[in-house]
N, C-alpha and C. Protein backbone atom coordinates (compact mmCIF):
# COMPACT_ATOMS: atom_id res chain seq x y z
N MET A 1 93.11 102.49 18.43
CA MET A 1 92.63 103.84 18.58
C MET A 1 92.38 104.12 20.06
N GLY A 2 93.00 105.13 20.58
CA GLY A 2 92.82 105.47 21.99
C GLY A 2 91.84 106.62 22.16
N PHE A 3 91.53 106.92 23.39
CA PHE A 3 90.65 108.05 23.70
C PHE A 3 91.48 109.31 23.85
N SER A 4 90.99 110.37 23.27
CA SER A 4 91.68 111.64 23.47
C SER A 4 91.31 112.18 24.84
N GLY A 5 92.08 113.10 25.32
CA GLY A 5 91.82 113.70 26.62
C GLY A 5 90.46 114.37 26.69
N LYS A 6 89.93 114.84 25.56
CA LYS A 6 88.63 115.51 25.55
C LYS A 6 87.48 114.50 25.52
N VAL A 7 87.64 113.41 24.81
CA VAL A 7 86.56 112.43 24.65
C VAL A 7 86.30 111.66 25.94
N LEU A 8 87.32 111.23 26.64
CA LEU A 8 87.15 110.42 27.84
C LEU A 8 86.32 111.12 28.92
N PRO A 9 86.60 112.38 29.26
CA PRO A 9 85.73 113.06 30.24
C PRO A 9 84.28 113.15 29.79
N ASP A 10 84.06 113.31 28.48
CA ASP A 10 82.69 113.35 27.96
C ASP A 10 82.00 112.01 28.16
N LEU A 11 82.72 110.92 27.99
CA LEU A 11 82.15 109.59 28.19
C LEU A 11 81.81 109.34 29.65
N LEU A 12 82.58 109.95 30.54
CA LEU A 12 82.39 109.72 31.97
C LEU A 12 81.64 110.85 32.66
N SER A 13 80.95 111.68 31.89
CA SER A 13 80.22 112.79 32.51
C SER A 13 79.13 112.26 33.42
N ASP A 14 78.76 113.06 34.41
CA ASP A 14 77.71 112.65 35.35
C ASP A 14 76.43 112.28 34.63
N GLU A 15 76.09 113.03 33.60
CA GLU A 15 74.85 112.77 32.86
C GLU A 15 74.88 111.39 32.21
N VAL A 16 75.98 111.04 31.58
CA VAL A 16 76.10 109.75 30.91
C VAL A 16 76.09 108.61 31.93
N VAL A 17 76.86 108.76 32.99
CA VAL A 17 76.93 107.73 34.02
C VAL A 17 75.56 107.52 34.66
N ASN A 18 74.86 108.61 34.98
CA ASN A 18 73.53 108.51 35.58
C ASN A 18 72.53 107.85 34.64
N ARG A 19 72.60 108.19 33.36
CA ARG A 19 71.69 107.60 32.39
C ARG A 19 71.92 106.10 32.27
N ILE A 20 73.16 105.69 32.22
CA ILE A 20 73.48 104.26 32.13
C ILE A 20 73.05 103.54 33.41
N ALA A 21 73.35 104.12 34.56
CA ALA A 21 72.98 103.50 35.83
C ALA A 21 71.47 103.35 35.95
N LYS A 22 70.73 104.38 35.56
CA LYS A 22 69.27 104.33 35.65
C LYS A 22 68.71 103.27 34.72
N LYS A 23 69.25 103.19 33.53
CA LYS A 23 68.76 102.23 32.54
C LYS A 23 69.00 100.79 32.99
N HIS A 24 70.12 100.53 33.63
CA HIS A 24 70.50 99.16 33.96
C HIS A 24 70.36 98.81 35.44
N SER A 25 69.91 99.72 36.25
CA SER A 25 69.88 99.46 37.69
C SER A 25 68.90 98.37 38.07
N LYS A 26 67.83 98.19 37.32
CA LYS A 26 66.83 97.19 37.68
C LYS A 26 67.14 95.81 37.09
N ALA A 27 68.04 95.74 36.14
CA ALA A 27 68.29 94.47 35.46
C ALA A 27 68.68 93.34 36.42
N PRO A 28 69.65 93.52 37.33
CA PRO A 28 69.99 92.42 38.23
C PRO A 28 68.81 92.02 39.13
N ALA A 29 68.06 92.98 39.60
CA ALA A 29 66.92 92.67 40.46
C ALA A 29 65.86 91.90 39.68
N GLN A 30 65.62 92.28 38.44
CA GLN A 30 64.62 91.58 37.62
C GLN A 30 65.05 90.15 37.35
N ILE A 31 66.32 89.94 37.07
CA ILE A 31 66.83 88.59 36.84
C ILE A 31 66.69 87.76 38.11
N LEU A 32 67.09 88.33 39.23
CA LEU A 32 67.01 87.62 40.50
C LEU A 32 65.57 87.28 40.85
N LEU A 33 64.66 88.24 40.70
CA LEU A 33 63.26 87.98 41.04
C LEU A 33 62.64 86.93 40.14
N ARG A 34 62.97 86.95 38.86
CA ARG A 34 62.45 85.94 37.94
C ARG A 34 62.97 84.56 38.35
N PHE A 35 64.25 84.50 38.72
CA PHE A 35 64.88 83.25 39.12
C PHE A 35 64.29 82.72 40.42
N LEU A 36 64.02 83.62 41.36
CA LEU A 36 63.50 83.23 42.67
C LEU A 36 61.98 83.09 42.70
N ASP A 37 61.31 83.51 41.66
CA ASP A 37 59.86 83.63 41.65
C ASP A 37 59.14 82.40 42.21
N GLU A 38 59.44 81.24 41.70
CA GLU A 38 58.74 80.02 42.12
C GLU A 38 58.97 79.72 43.60
N VAL A 39 60.20 79.79 44.03
CA VAL A 39 60.54 79.48 45.42
C VAL A 39 59.93 80.52 46.36
N VAL A 40 60.10 81.79 46.03
CA VAL A 40 59.60 82.87 46.88
C VAL A 40 58.08 82.81 46.98
N ASN A 41 57.40 82.59 45.87
CA ASN A 41 55.94 82.52 45.90
C ASN A 41 55.45 81.34 46.73
N ARG A 42 56.14 80.21 46.65
CA ARG A 42 55.76 79.05 47.46
C ARG A 42 55.92 79.36 48.94
N ILE A 43 57.03 79.96 49.30
CA ILE A 43 57.29 80.31 50.72
C ILE A 43 56.31 81.40 51.18
N ALA A 44 56.03 82.36 50.31
CA ALA A 44 55.08 83.43 50.65
C ALA A 44 53.70 82.85 50.94
N LYS A 45 53.28 81.92 50.11
CA LYS A 45 51.97 81.27 50.32
C LYS A 45 51.97 80.50 51.64
N LYS A 46 53.04 79.80 51.92
CA LYS A 46 53.16 79.03 53.17
C LYS A 46 53.00 79.92 54.40
N HIS A 47 53.56 81.12 54.36
CA HIS A 47 53.54 82.03 55.51
C HIS A 47 52.44 83.09 55.41
N SER A 48 51.64 83.05 54.34
CA SER A 48 50.60 84.06 54.10
C SER A 48 51.20 85.47 54.10
N LYS A 49 52.29 85.62 53.37
CA LYS A 49 52.99 86.90 53.26
C LYS A 49 53.20 87.23 51.79
N ALA A 50 53.54 88.48 51.53
CA ALA A 50 53.88 88.91 50.17
C ALA A 50 55.30 88.46 49.84
N PRO A 51 55.59 88.21 48.56
CA PRO A 51 56.95 87.83 48.18
C PRO A 51 58.02 88.82 48.66
N ALA A 52 57.72 90.11 48.61
CA ALA A 52 58.70 91.11 49.08
C ALA A 52 59.00 90.91 50.56
N GLN A 53 57.99 90.56 51.34
CA GLN A 53 58.20 90.32 52.77
C GLN A 53 59.11 89.12 52.99
N ILE A 54 58.96 88.10 52.16
CA ILE A 54 59.81 86.91 52.27
C ILE A 54 61.26 87.29 52.00
N LEU A 55 61.49 88.08 50.95
CA LEU A 55 62.86 88.47 50.62
C LEU A 55 63.46 89.37 51.69
N LEU A 56 62.66 90.29 52.22
CA LEU A 56 63.15 91.15 53.30
C LEU A 56 63.47 90.33 54.55
N ARG A 57 62.61 89.38 54.88
CA ARG A 57 62.84 88.54 56.05
C ARG A 57 64.09 87.68 55.85
N PHE A 58 64.26 87.16 54.64
CA PHE A 58 65.45 86.37 54.31
C PHE A 58 66.71 87.18 54.57
N LEU A 59 66.74 88.40 54.08
CA LEU A 59 67.91 89.27 54.31
C LEU A 59 68.11 89.55 55.80
N LEU A 60 67.01 89.82 56.51
CA LEU A 60 67.09 90.08 57.94
C LEU A 60 67.71 88.89 58.68
N GLN A 61 67.25 87.69 58.35
CA GLN A 61 67.78 86.50 59.02
C GLN A 61 69.22 86.20 58.63
N LEU A 62 69.66 86.71 57.49
CA LEU A 62 71.06 86.57 57.10
C LEU A 62 71.93 87.63 57.76
N GLY A 63 71.29 88.61 58.41
CA GLY A 63 72.03 89.69 59.04
C GLY A 63 72.40 90.80 58.08
N VAL A 64 71.67 90.87 56.97
CA VAL A 64 71.92 91.89 55.95
C VAL A 64 70.94 93.03 56.16
N ALA A 65 71.44 94.23 56.23
CA ALA A 65 70.57 95.40 56.38
C ALA A 65 69.98 95.75 55.02
N ALA A 66 68.66 95.77 54.96
CA ALA A 66 67.96 96.12 53.73
C ALA A 66 67.21 97.43 53.95
N ILE A 67 67.23 98.27 52.94
CA ILE A 67 66.50 99.53 53.02
C ILE A 67 65.48 99.53 51.87
N PRO A 68 64.28 99.00 52.14
CA PRO A 68 63.27 98.97 51.07
C PRO A 68 62.76 100.36 50.76
N LYS A 69 62.39 100.57 49.52
CA LYS A 69 61.91 101.88 49.10
C LYS A 69 60.45 101.75 48.67
N SER A 70 59.62 102.63 49.17
CA SER A 70 58.24 102.70 48.73
C SER A 70 57.68 104.06 49.09
N VAL A 71 56.73 104.52 48.30
CA VAL A 71 56.01 105.75 48.62
C VAL A 71 54.55 105.45 48.93
N THR A 72 54.16 104.19 48.74
CA THR A 72 52.78 103.78 48.98
C THR A 72 52.63 103.36 50.44
N PRO A 73 51.75 104.02 51.18
CA PRO A 73 51.60 103.70 52.61
C PRO A 73 51.35 102.21 52.89
N SER A 74 50.55 101.55 52.07
CA SER A 74 50.28 100.13 52.30
C SER A 74 51.54 99.28 52.11
N ARG A 75 52.37 99.65 51.14
CA ARG A 75 53.62 98.92 50.92
C ARG A 75 54.63 99.18 52.02
N ILE A 76 54.66 100.40 52.52
CA ILE A 76 55.55 100.73 53.63
C ILE A 76 55.19 99.88 54.85
N LYS A 77 53.90 99.80 55.12
CA LYS A 77 53.42 98.98 56.24
C LYS A 77 53.76 97.51 56.01
N GLU A 78 53.56 97.04 54.79
CA GLU A 78 53.87 95.66 54.44
C GLU A 78 55.36 95.37 54.62
N ASN A 79 56.21 96.30 54.18
CA ASN A 79 57.65 96.12 54.32
C ASN A 79 58.08 96.04 55.78
N PHE A 80 57.38 96.77 56.64
CA PHE A 80 57.71 96.76 58.06
C PHE A 80 57.19 95.51 58.76
N ASN A 81 56.18 94.88 58.20
CA ASN A 81 55.53 93.74 58.83
C ASN A 81 56.27 92.43 58.53
N ILE A 82 57.55 92.40 58.86
CA ILE A 82 58.36 91.18 58.65
C ILE A 82 58.88 90.63 59.97
N PHE A 83 58.43 91.19 61.07
CA PHE A 83 58.95 90.79 62.38
C PHE A 83 58.03 89.83 63.12
N ASN A 84 56.89 89.49 62.53
CA ASN A 84 55.95 88.61 63.21
C ASN A 84 55.97 87.18 62.67
N PHE A 85 57.01 86.83 61.92
CA PHE A 85 57.17 85.45 61.45
C PHE A 85 58.66 85.19 61.24
N GLU A 86 59.00 83.94 61.09
CA GLU A 86 60.39 83.56 60.88
C GLU A 86 60.45 82.49 59.80
N LEU A 87 61.42 82.57 58.93
CA LEU A 87 61.63 81.54 57.93
C LEU A 87 62.32 80.36 58.59
N ASP A 88 61.84 79.17 58.32
CA ASP A 88 62.46 77.99 58.92
C ASP A 88 63.69 77.57 58.12
N GLY A 89 64.36 76.56 58.61
CA GLY A 89 65.60 76.11 57.98
C GLY A 89 65.44 75.72 56.53
N GLN A 90 64.32 75.07 56.20
CA GLN A 90 64.08 74.65 54.82
C GLN A 90 63.86 75.87 53.91
N ASP A 91 63.11 76.85 54.42
CA ASP A 91 62.91 78.09 53.64
C ASP A 91 64.25 78.75 53.34
N MET A 92 65.06 78.87 54.37
CA MET A 92 66.36 79.52 54.20
C MET A 92 67.24 78.74 53.23
N SER A 93 67.23 77.42 53.34
CA SER A 93 68.02 76.58 52.43
C SER A 93 67.55 76.72 50.99
N ASP A 94 66.23 76.74 50.80
CA ASP A 94 65.68 76.88 49.45
C ASP A 94 66.07 78.22 48.83
N LEU A 95 66.00 79.28 49.62
CA LEU A 95 66.37 80.60 49.12
C LEU A 95 67.87 80.70 48.84
N ARG A 96 68.67 80.11 49.71
CA ARG A 96 70.12 80.10 49.48
C ARG A 96 70.47 79.30 48.23
N ALA A 97 69.76 78.19 48.02
CA ALA A 97 70.03 77.34 46.85
C ALA A 97 69.75 78.10 45.55
N CYS A 98 68.73 78.93 45.56
CA CYS A 98 68.42 79.74 44.37
C CYS A 98 69.56 80.67 44.05
N HIS A 99 70.16 81.24 45.07
CA HIS A 99 71.26 82.19 44.88
C HIS A 99 72.49 81.51 44.31
N SER A 100 72.72 80.25 44.68
CA SER A 100 73.96 79.58 44.28
C SER A 100 73.86 78.89 42.93
N GLU A 101 72.66 78.77 42.37
CA GLU A 101 72.52 78.10 41.07
C GLU A 101 73.00 78.96 39.94
């Protein structure tokens, strides 16, 4: 059974695509954060930083441009406060290892 010319555009309407994207957009991030949780929390404690700061710093040191989103002034400040520390080689290796498992 194939799609008729009328049904396919309905399946690909902006409303349907947006609804699916919104519903599933957090799934990869949630899986990744759950997987990284132990490692990130250990590194965060070591550096006295929030887990989000560790992940942002990790991306920065990899040369990846990250655009964090927040509307909370304290979180915006926290997201910006990643330039006063550096992850060492072991931290970077541990975070990379999580990604490759």
